[in-house]
N, C-alpha and C. Protein backbone atom coordinates (compact mmCIF):
# COMPACT_ATOMS: atom_id res chain seq x y z
N UNK A 1 0.84 -1.16 0.00
CA UNK A 1 0.00 0.00 0.00
C UNK A 1 0.90 1.24 0.00
N UNK A 2 0.46 2.26 -0.72
CA UNK A 2 1.15 3.53 -0.74
C UNK A 2 0.54 4.42 0.34
N UNK A 3 1.38 5.09 1.09
CA UNK A 3 0.94 5.92 2.20
C UNK A 3 1.32 7.37 1.89
N UNK A 4 0.43 8.30 2.19
CA UNK A 4 0.72 9.71 1.99
C UNK A 4 0.43 10.47 3.27
N UNK A 5 0.95 11.66 3.36
CA UNK A 5 0.73 12.51 4.53
C UNK A 5 0.20 13.85 4.07
N UNK A 6 -0.62 14.46 4.91
CA UNK A 6 -1.23 15.74 4.54
C UNK A 6 -0.18 16.79 4.20
N UNK A 7 0.93 16.83 4.94
CA UNK A 7 1.94 17.85 4.66
C UNK A 7 2.66 17.64 3.32
N UNK A 8 2.49 16.48 2.71
CA UNK A 8 3.10 16.22 1.41
C UNK A 8 2.19 16.60 0.24
N UNK A 9 0.96 17.00 0.56
CA UNK A 9 0.03 17.36 -0.51
C UNK A 9 0.45 18.68 -1.16
N UNK A 10 0.32 18.70 -2.47
CA UNK A 10 0.64 19.89 -3.25
C UNK A 10 -0.65 20.44 -3.82
N UNK A 11 -0.99 21.69 -3.49
CA UNK A 11 -2.22 22.26 -4.06
C UNK A 11 -2.06 22.45 -5.56
N UNK A 12 -2.97 21.86 -6.32
CA UNK A 12 -2.87 21.96 -7.78
C UNK A 12 -4.09 22.62 -8.39
N UNK A 13 -4.97 23.13 -7.56
CA UNK A 13 -6.17 23.74 -8.11
C UNK A 13 -7.14 22.67 -8.58
N UNK A 14 -7.94 23.01 -9.55
CA UNK A 14 -8.99 22.12 -10.03
C UNK A 14 -8.62 21.47 -11.34
N UNK A 15 -7.41 20.90 -11.45
CA UNK A 15 -7.01 20.24 -12.69
C UNK A 15 -7.91 19.04 -12.98
N UNK A 16 -8.11 18.24 -11.98
CA UNK A 16 -9.00 17.08 -12.10
C UNK A 16 -9.88 17.07 -10.86
N UNK A 17 -11.16 17.12 -11.05
CA UNK A 17 -12.09 17.18 -9.92
C UNK A 17 -11.90 15.97 -9.00
N UNK A 18 -11.72 16.25 -7.73
CA UNK A 18 -11.57 15.17 -6.75
C UNK A 18 -10.17 14.62 -6.63
N UNK A 19 -9.23 15.08 -7.46
CA UNK A 19 -7.87 14.55 -7.44
C UNK A 19 -7.00 15.31 -6.45
N UNK A 20 -5.94 14.66 -6.00
CA UNK A 20 -4.96 15.27 -5.11
C UNK A 20 -3.58 15.00 -5.70
N UNK A 21 -2.66 15.85 -5.40
CA UNK A 21 -1.29 15.68 -5.87
C UNK A 21 -0.38 15.64 -4.64
N UNK A 22 0.62 14.76 -4.69
CA UNK A 22 1.50 14.56 -3.54
C UNK A 22 2.95 14.70 -3.98
N UNK A 23 3.76 15.31 -3.14
CA UNK A 23 5.19 15.43 -3.43
C UNK A 23 5.89 14.08 -3.31
N UNK A 24 5.38 13.24 -2.46
CA UNK A 24 5.95 11.90 -2.29
C UNK A 24 4.91 10.99 -1.67
N UNK A 25 5.13 9.70 -1.82
CA UNK A 25 4.33 8.68 -1.15
C UNK A 25 5.32 7.70 -0.53
N UNK A 26 4.88 7.02 0.49
CA UNK A 26 5.72 6.02 1.14
C UNK A 26 5.16 4.64 0.78
N UNK A 27 6.05 3.71 0.50
CA UNK A 27 5.63 2.35 0.21
C UNK A 27 5.99 1.52 1.43
N UNK A 28 4.99 1.02 2.14
CA UNK A 28 5.24 0.37 3.43
C UNK A 28 5.12 -1.15 3.34
N UNK A 29 5.73 -1.69 2.31
CA UNK A 29 5.62 -3.13 2.09
C UNK A 29 6.91 -3.66 1.48
N UNK A 30 7.08 -4.95 1.55
CA UNK A 30 8.22 -5.58 0.89
C UNK A 30 7.75 -6.50 -0.23
N UNK A 31 6.59 -6.17 -0.80
CA UNK A 31 6.04 -6.91 -1.93
C UNK A 31 6.32 -6.16 -3.22
N UNK A 32 6.30 -6.86 -4.33
CA UNK A 32 6.50 -6.16 -5.60
C UNK A 32 5.31 -5.25 -5.91
N UNK A 33 5.54 -4.26 -6.76
CA UNK A 33 4.46 -3.45 -7.28
C UNK A 33 4.74 -3.18 -8.76
N UNK A 34 3.84 -2.48 -9.41
CA UNK A 34 3.94 -2.30 -10.86
C UNK A 34 4.03 -0.82 -11.21
N UNK A 35 4.97 -0.50 -12.07
CA UNK A 35 5.14 0.84 -12.63
C UNK A 35 4.56 0.73 -14.04
N UNK A 36 3.39 1.32 -14.25
CA UNK A 36 2.64 1.11 -15.49
C UNK A 36 2.59 2.38 -16.32
N UNK A 37 2.96 2.27 -17.58
CA UNK A 37 2.78 3.35 -18.53
C UNK A 37 1.52 3.03 -19.32
N UNK A 38 0.56 3.95 -19.31
CA UNK A 38 -0.73 3.69 -19.96
C UNK A 38 -1.18 4.92 -20.74
N UNK A 39 -1.95 4.66 -21.75
CA UNK A 39 -2.56 5.71 -22.55
C UNK A 39 -3.97 5.91 -22.01
N UNK A 40 -4.26 7.13 -21.61
CA UNK A 40 -5.58 7.49 -21.09
C UNK A 40 -6.32 8.19 -22.22
N UNK A 41 -7.30 7.51 -22.78
CA UNK A 41 -8.06 8.07 -23.90
C UNK A 41 -9.44 8.48 -23.38
N UNK A 42 -9.66 9.78 -23.33
CA UNK A 42 -10.98 10.26 -22.92
C UNK A 42 -11.62 10.97 -24.12
N UNK A 43 -12.76 11.54 -23.93
CA UNK A 43 -13.47 12.20 -25.02
C UNK A 43 -12.74 13.39 -25.61
N UNK A 44 -11.74 13.90 -24.89
CA UNK A 44 -11.03 15.09 -25.35
C UNK A 44 -9.67 14.79 -25.97
N UNK A 45 -9.25 13.56 -25.97
CA UNK A 45 -7.95 13.21 -26.56
C UNK A 45 -7.28 12.09 -25.81
N UNK A 46 -5.96 12.00 -26.01
CA UNK A 46 -5.17 10.95 -25.40
C UNK A 46 -4.01 11.57 -24.62
N UNK A 47 -3.67 10.95 -23.51
CA UNK A 47 -2.48 11.39 -22.78
C UNK A 47 -1.79 10.17 -22.18
N UNK A 48 -0.47 10.20 -22.22
CA UNK A 48 0.33 9.14 -21.65
C UNK A 48 0.49 9.43 -20.16
N UNK A 49 0.28 8.43 -19.34
CA UNK A 49 0.38 8.62 -17.90
C UNK A 49 1.11 7.44 -17.26
N UNK A 50 1.57 7.65 -16.06
CA UNK A 50 2.25 6.59 -15.31
C UNK A 50 1.45 6.32 -14.04
N UNK A 51 1.22 5.05 -13.77
CA UNK A 51 0.49 4.63 -12.58
C UNK A 51 1.37 3.69 -11.76
N UNK A 52 1.30 3.80 -10.46
CA UNK A 52 1.95 2.84 -9.57
C UNK A 52 0.84 1.98 -9.00
N UNK A 53 0.91 0.69 -9.27
CA UNK A 53 -0.17 -0.22 -8.89
C UNK A 53 0.38 -1.25 -7.90
N UNK A 54 -0.37 -1.43 -6.83
CA UNK A 54 0.09 -2.22 -5.69
C UNK A 54 -0.19 -3.71 -5.81
N UNK A 55 -1.30 -4.12 -6.43
CA UNK A 55 -1.65 -5.55 -6.43
C UNK A 55 -1.91 -6.08 -7.84
N UNK A 56 -1.76 -7.38 -7.99
CA UNK A 56 -2.07 -8.04 -9.26
C UNK A 56 -3.55 -7.82 -9.64
N UNK A 57 -4.52 -8.01 -8.72
CA UNK A 57 -5.92 -7.76 -9.09
C UNK A 57 -6.15 -6.34 -9.61
N UNK A 58 -5.47 -5.35 -9.04
CA UNK A 58 -5.62 -3.97 -9.53
C UNK A 58 -5.04 -3.81 -10.93
N UNK A 59 -3.93 -4.48 -11.21
CA UNK A 59 -3.35 -4.46 -12.56
C UNK A 59 -4.30 -5.12 -13.55
N UNK A 60 -4.90 -6.24 -13.15
CA UNK A 60 -5.85 -6.94 -14.02
C UNK A 60 -7.08 -6.09 -14.29
N UNK A 61 -7.55 -5.36 -13.27
CA UNK A 61 -8.68 -4.44 -13.48
C UNK A 61 -8.34 -3.37 -14.50
N UNK A 62 -7.14 -2.81 -14.41
CA UNK A 62 -6.72 -1.80 -15.38
C UNK A 62 -6.64 -2.40 -16.78
N UNK A 63 -6.06 -3.59 -16.89
CA UNK A 63 -5.94 -4.25 -18.19
C UNK A 63 -7.31 -4.53 -18.81
N UNK A 64 -8.30 -4.77 -17.96
CA UNK A 64 -9.65 -5.07 -18.45
C UNK A 64 -10.45 -3.80 -18.77
N UNK A 65 -9.88 -2.64 -18.54
CA UNK A 65 -10.64 -1.40 -18.71
C UNK A 65 -10.40 -0.69 -20.04
N UNK A 66 -9.97 -1.43 -21.06
CA UNK A 66 -9.76 -0.83 -22.38
C UNK A 66 -11.02 -0.15 -22.88
N UNK A 67 -12.17 -0.74 -22.62
CA UNK A 67 -13.43 -0.15 -23.10
C UNK A 67 -13.73 1.18 -22.40
N UNK A 68 -13.04 1.45 -21.29
CA UNK A 68 -13.24 2.71 -20.56
C UNK A 68 -12.14 3.71 -20.87
N UNK A 69 -11.35 3.41 -21.90
CA UNK A 69 -10.36 4.38 -22.37
C UNK A 69 -8.93 4.17 -21.94
N UNK A 70 -8.62 3.11 -21.20
CA UNK A 70 -7.24 2.88 -20.77
C UNK A 70 -6.58 1.84 -21.66
N UNK A 71 -5.35 2.09 -22.04
CA UNK A 71 -4.58 1.14 -22.84
C UNK A 71 -3.18 1.04 -22.26
N UNK A 72 -2.84 -0.09 -21.68
CA UNK A 72 -1.52 -0.28 -21.08
C UNK A 72 -0.48 -0.36 -22.19
N UNK A 73 0.56 0.46 -22.06
CA UNK A 73 1.67 0.47 -23.01
C UNK A 73 2.81 -0.44 -22.54
N UNK A 74 3.15 -0.34 -21.24
CA UNK A 74 4.25 -1.15 -20.70
C UNK A 74 4.07 -1.30 -19.19
N UNK A 75 4.47 -2.45 -18.68
CA UNK A 75 4.45 -2.69 -17.23
C UNK A 75 5.86 -3.07 -16.80
N UNK A 76 6.34 -2.36 -15.80
CA UNK A 76 7.62 -2.68 -15.18
C UNK A 76 7.31 -3.30 -13.82
N UNK A 77 7.93 -4.42 -13.52
CA UNK A 77 7.82 -5.02 -12.20
C UNK A 77 8.89 -4.37 -11.31
N UNK A 78 8.47 -3.84 -10.18
CA UNK A 78 9.40 -3.28 -9.20
C UNK A 78 9.47 -4.30 -8.07
N UNK A 79 10.60 -5.00 -8.01
CA UNK A 79 10.71 -6.13 -7.08
C UNK A 79 11.69 -5.82 -5.95
N UNK A 80 11.33 -6.28 -4.73
CA UNK A 80 12.23 -6.08 -3.59
C UNK A 80 13.44 -7.01 -3.70
N UNK A 81 14.51 -6.62 -3.03
CA UNK A 81 15.76 -7.37 -3.10
C UNK A 81 15.67 -8.81 -2.68
N UNK A 82 14.82 -9.13 -1.71
CA UNK A 82 14.70 -10.53 -1.27
C UNK A 82 14.07 -11.38 -2.37
N UNK A 83 13.30 -10.78 -3.26
CA UNK A 83 12.67 -11.53 -4.35
C UNK A 83 13.60 -11.65 -5.55
N UNK A 84 14.29 -10.57 -5.90
CA UNK A 84 15.12 -10.60 -7.11
C UNK A 84 16.55 -11.07 -6.86
N UNK A 85 16.88 -11.30 -5.59
CA UNK A 85 18.19 -11.86 -5.24
C UNK A 85 19.34 -10.86 -5.19
N UNK A 86 19.07 -9.57 -5.37
CA UNK A 86 20.15 -8.59 -5.37
C UNK A 86 20.31 -7.87 -4.03
N UNK A 87 19.29 -7.98 -3.16
CA UNK A 87 19.31 -7.23 -1.91
C UNK A 87 18.86 -5.79 -2.08
N UNK A 88 18.50 -5.40 -3.31
CA UNK A 88 18.05 -4.04 -3.59
C UNK A 88 16.80 -4.07 -4.47
N UNK A 89 16.01 -3.01 -4.39
CA UNK A 89 14.86 -2.91 -5.28
C UNK A 89 15.34 -2.82 -6.72
N UNK A 90 14.55 -3.43 -7.61
CA UNK A 90 14.94 -3.49 -9.02
C UNK A 90 13.68 -3.33 -9.88
N UNK A 91 13.82 -2.62 -11.02
CA UNK A 91 12.68 -2.43 -11.92
C UNK A 91 13.03 -3.04 -13.27
N UNK A 92 12.17 -3.98 -13.74
CA UNK A 92 12.41 -4.68 -14.99
C UNK A 92 11.09 -4.83 -15.75
N UNK A 93 11.17 -4.89 -17.07
CA UNK A 93 9.96 -5.03 -17.87
C UNK A 93 9.30 -6.39 -17.62
N UNK A 94 8.01 -6.36 -17.39
CA UNK A 94 7.23 -7.56 -17.13
C UNK A 94 6.72 -8.15 -18.43
N UNK A 95 6.83 -9.46 -18.57
CA UNK A 95 6.30 -10.15 -19.74
C UNK A 95 4.95 -10.77 -19.46
N UNK A 96 4.82 -11.42 -18.30
CA UNK A 96 3.56 -12.09 -17.96
C UNK A 96 3.52 -12.36 -16.45
N UNK A 97 2.32 -12.65 -15.99
CA UNK A 97 2.12 -13.07 -14.60
C UNK A 97 1.35 -14.38 -14.64
N UNK A 98 1.81 -15.35 -13.87
CA UNK A 98 1.11 -16.61 -13.74
C UNK A 98 0.62 -16.78 -12.30
N UNK A 99 -0.60 -17.25 -12.15
CA UNK A 99 -1.11 -17.64 -10.84
C UNK A 99 -0.68 -19.09 -10.64
N UNK A 100 -0.08 -19.37 -9.51
CA UNK A 100 0.42 -20.71 -9.21
C UNK A 100 -0.37 -21.24 -8.03
N UNK A 101 -1.04 -22.38 -8.23
CA UNK A 101 -1.87 -22.99 -7.19
C UNK A 101 -1.09 -24.10 -6.49
N UNK A 102 -1.07 -24.05 -5.16
CA UNK A 102 -0.45 -25.12 -4.37
C UNK A 102 -0.95 -25.04 -2.94
N UNK A 103 -1.13 -26.17 -2.32
CA UNK A 103 -1.56 -26.25 -0.93
C UNK A 103 -2.71 -25.31 -0.61
N UNK A 104 -3.72 -25.31 -1.47
CA UNK A 104 -4.90 -24.44 -1.31
C UNK A 104 -4.57 -22.95 -1.26
N UNK A 105 -3.46 -22.59 -1.84
CA UNK A 105 -3.04 -21.20 -1.90
C UNK A 105 -2.79 -20.80 -3.34
N UNK A 106 -2.85 -19.51 -3.57
CA UNK A 106 -2.46 -18.97 -4.87
C UNK A 106 -1.31 -18.00 -4.63
N UNK A 107 -0.29 -18.17 -5.41
CA UNK A 107 0.85 -17.26 -5.37
C UNK A 107 1.08 -16.81 -6.81
N UNK A 108 1.93 -15.83 -7.01
CA UNK A 108 2.18 -15.35 -8.37
C UNK A 108 3.62 -15.57 -8.77
N UNK A 109 3.79 -15.88 -10.04
CA UNK A 109 5.11 -15.95 -10.66
C UNK A 109 5.16 -14.82 -11.68
N UNK A 110 6.23 -14.05 -11.65
CA UNK A 110 6.41 -12.90 -12.53
C UNK A 110 7.45 -13.27 -13.58
N UNK A 111 7.04 -13.35 -14.83
CA UNK A 111 7.93 -13.70 -15.92
C UNK A 111 8.40 -12.42 -16.57
N UNK A 112 9.70 -12.22 -16.59
CA UNK A 112 10.27 -10.99 -17.11
C UNK A 112 10.37 -11.03 -18.62
N UNK A 113 10.24 -9.88 -19.26
CA UNK A 113 10.31 -9.80 -20.72
C UNK A 113 11.67 -10.24 -21.24
N UNK A 114 12.72 -9.97 -20.48
CA UNK A 114 14.07 -10.35 -20.90
C UNK A 114 14.48 -11.74 -20.47
N UNK A 115 13.53 -12.54 -20.00
CA UNK A 115 13.84 -13.86 -19.46
C UNK A 115 13.96 -13.78 -17.95
N UNK A 116 13.83 -14.87 -17.31
CA UNK A 116 13.90 -14.89 -15.86
C UNK A 116 12.52 -14.88 -15.23
N UNK A 117 12.49 -15.29 -13.98
CA UNK A 117 11.22 -15.41 -13.27
C UNK A 117 11.46 -15.15 -11.79
N UNK A 118 10.54 -14.41 -11.18
CA UNK A 118 10.53 -14.22 -9.75
C UNK A 118 9.23 -14.77 -9.22
N UNK A 119 9.27 -15.34 -8.02
CA UNK A 119 8.06 -15.87 -7.41
C UNK A 119 7.85 -15.23 -6.04
N UNK A 120 6.59 -15.10 -5.66
CA UNK A 120 6.26 -14.54 -4.34
C UNK A 120 6.68 -15.49 -3.24
N UNK A 121 6.40 -16.77 -3.44
CA UNK A 121 6.75 -17.80 -2.44
C UNK A 121 7.63 -18.84 -3.11
N UNK A 122 8.68 -19.23 -2.44
CA UNK A 122 9.62 -20.19 -3.03
C UNK A 122 8.96 -21.50 -3.45
N UNK A 123 7.92 -21.90 -2.71
CA UNK A 123 7.23 -23.15 -3.04
C UNK A 123 6.61 -23.10 -4.43
N UNK A 124 6.27 -21.92 -4.89
CA UNK A 124 5.63 -21.77 -6.20
C UNK A 124 6.58 -22.13 -7.33
N UNK A 125 7.86 -21.91 -7.15
CA UNK A 125 8.84 -22.18 -8.20
C UNK A 125 8.91 -23.66 -8.56
N UNK A 126 8.61 -24.54 -7.62
CA UNK A 126 8.74 -25.98 -7.87
C UNK A 126 7.43 -26.63 -8.33
N UNK A 127 6.39 -25.85 -8.49
CA UNK A 127 5.09 -26.42 -8.91
C UNK A 127 5.11 -26.75 -10.40
N UNK A 128 4.49 -27.86 -10.80
CA UNK A 128 4.45 -28.22 -12.23
C UNK A 128 3.61 -27.22 -13.02
N UNK A 129 3.84 -27.19 -14.32
CA UNK A 129 3.13 -26.26 -15.21
C UNK A 129 1.62 -26.43 -15.12
N UNK A 130 1.15 -27.64 -14.81
CA UNK A 130 -0.29 -27.89 -14.70
C UNK A 130 -0.93 -27.11 -13.54
N UNK A 131 -0.12 -26.59 -12.62
CA UNK A 131 -0.62 -25.81 -11.49
C UNK A 131 -0.53 -24.31 -11.75
N UNK A 132 -0.16 -23.94 -12.99
CA UNK A 132 0.02 -22.54 -13.35
C UNK A 132 -0.96 -22.12 -14.43
N UNK A 133 -1.41 -20.87 -14.34
CA UNK A 133 -2.22 -20.32 -15.43
C UNK A 133 -1.85 -18.85 -15.59
N UNK A 134 -1.77 -18.43 -16.83
CA UNK A 134 -1.42 -17.04 -17.13
C UNK A 134 -2.62 -16.16 -16.79
N UNK A 135 -2.40 -15.12 -15.99
CA UNK A 135 -3.46 -14.18 -15.66
C UNK A 135 -3.23 -12.82 -16.30
N UNK A 136 -2.00 -12.56 -16.72
CA UNK A 136 -1.69 -11.32 -17.42
C UNK A 136 -0.54 -11.56 -18.39
N UNK A 137 -0.67 -11.01 -19.58
CA UNK A 137 0.41 -11.08 -20.56
C UNK A 137 0.58 -9.68 -21.16
N UNK A 138 1.82 -9.24 -21.28
CA UNK A 138 2.07 -7.90 -21.81
C UNK A 138 1.69 -7.86 -23.30
N UNK A 139 1.48 -6.66 -23.80
CA UNK A 139 1.13 -6.47 -25.21
C UNK A 139 2.23 -6.95 -26.12
N UNK A 140 3.47 -6.91 -25.64
CA UNK A 140 4.59 -7.36 -26.46
C UNK A 140 4.73 -8.88 -26.47
N UNK A 141 3.84 -9.55 -25.74
CA UNK A 141 3.80 -11.02 -25.80
C UNK A 141 4.68 -11.73 -24.82
N UNK A 142 5.35 -11.04 -23.91
CA UNK A 142 6.26 -11.58 -22.91
C UNK A 142 6.03 -12.90 -22.44
């Protein structure tokens, strides 16, 4: 979850009704999140925007909202060091996400566009392909 504080709010006037602007947000988790570049197509035109998305279901909701004017251009996986093995946060292009079923649980495997895979839980890495299903695939076919 992203956390903000009142003192970090930046007054922007009435650019977008109901919207707020923040100088910074805090990320209070050690889970991966998504840095998404998307095209926002409304009745007045198109604009490229960047979204920070916290959960896979939220990313899937955005991907399903093409009929409402959103078109995902690229998704970067921002992974914590314990997941990517470097000890530091890392941002890499995402190719696909697979839901991995095991022991009555669902975990996610993140397949990178350049090859490689990160998993939320180590047990997910050893599950057979029959326990995996693709829930998101990038436009580039990752």
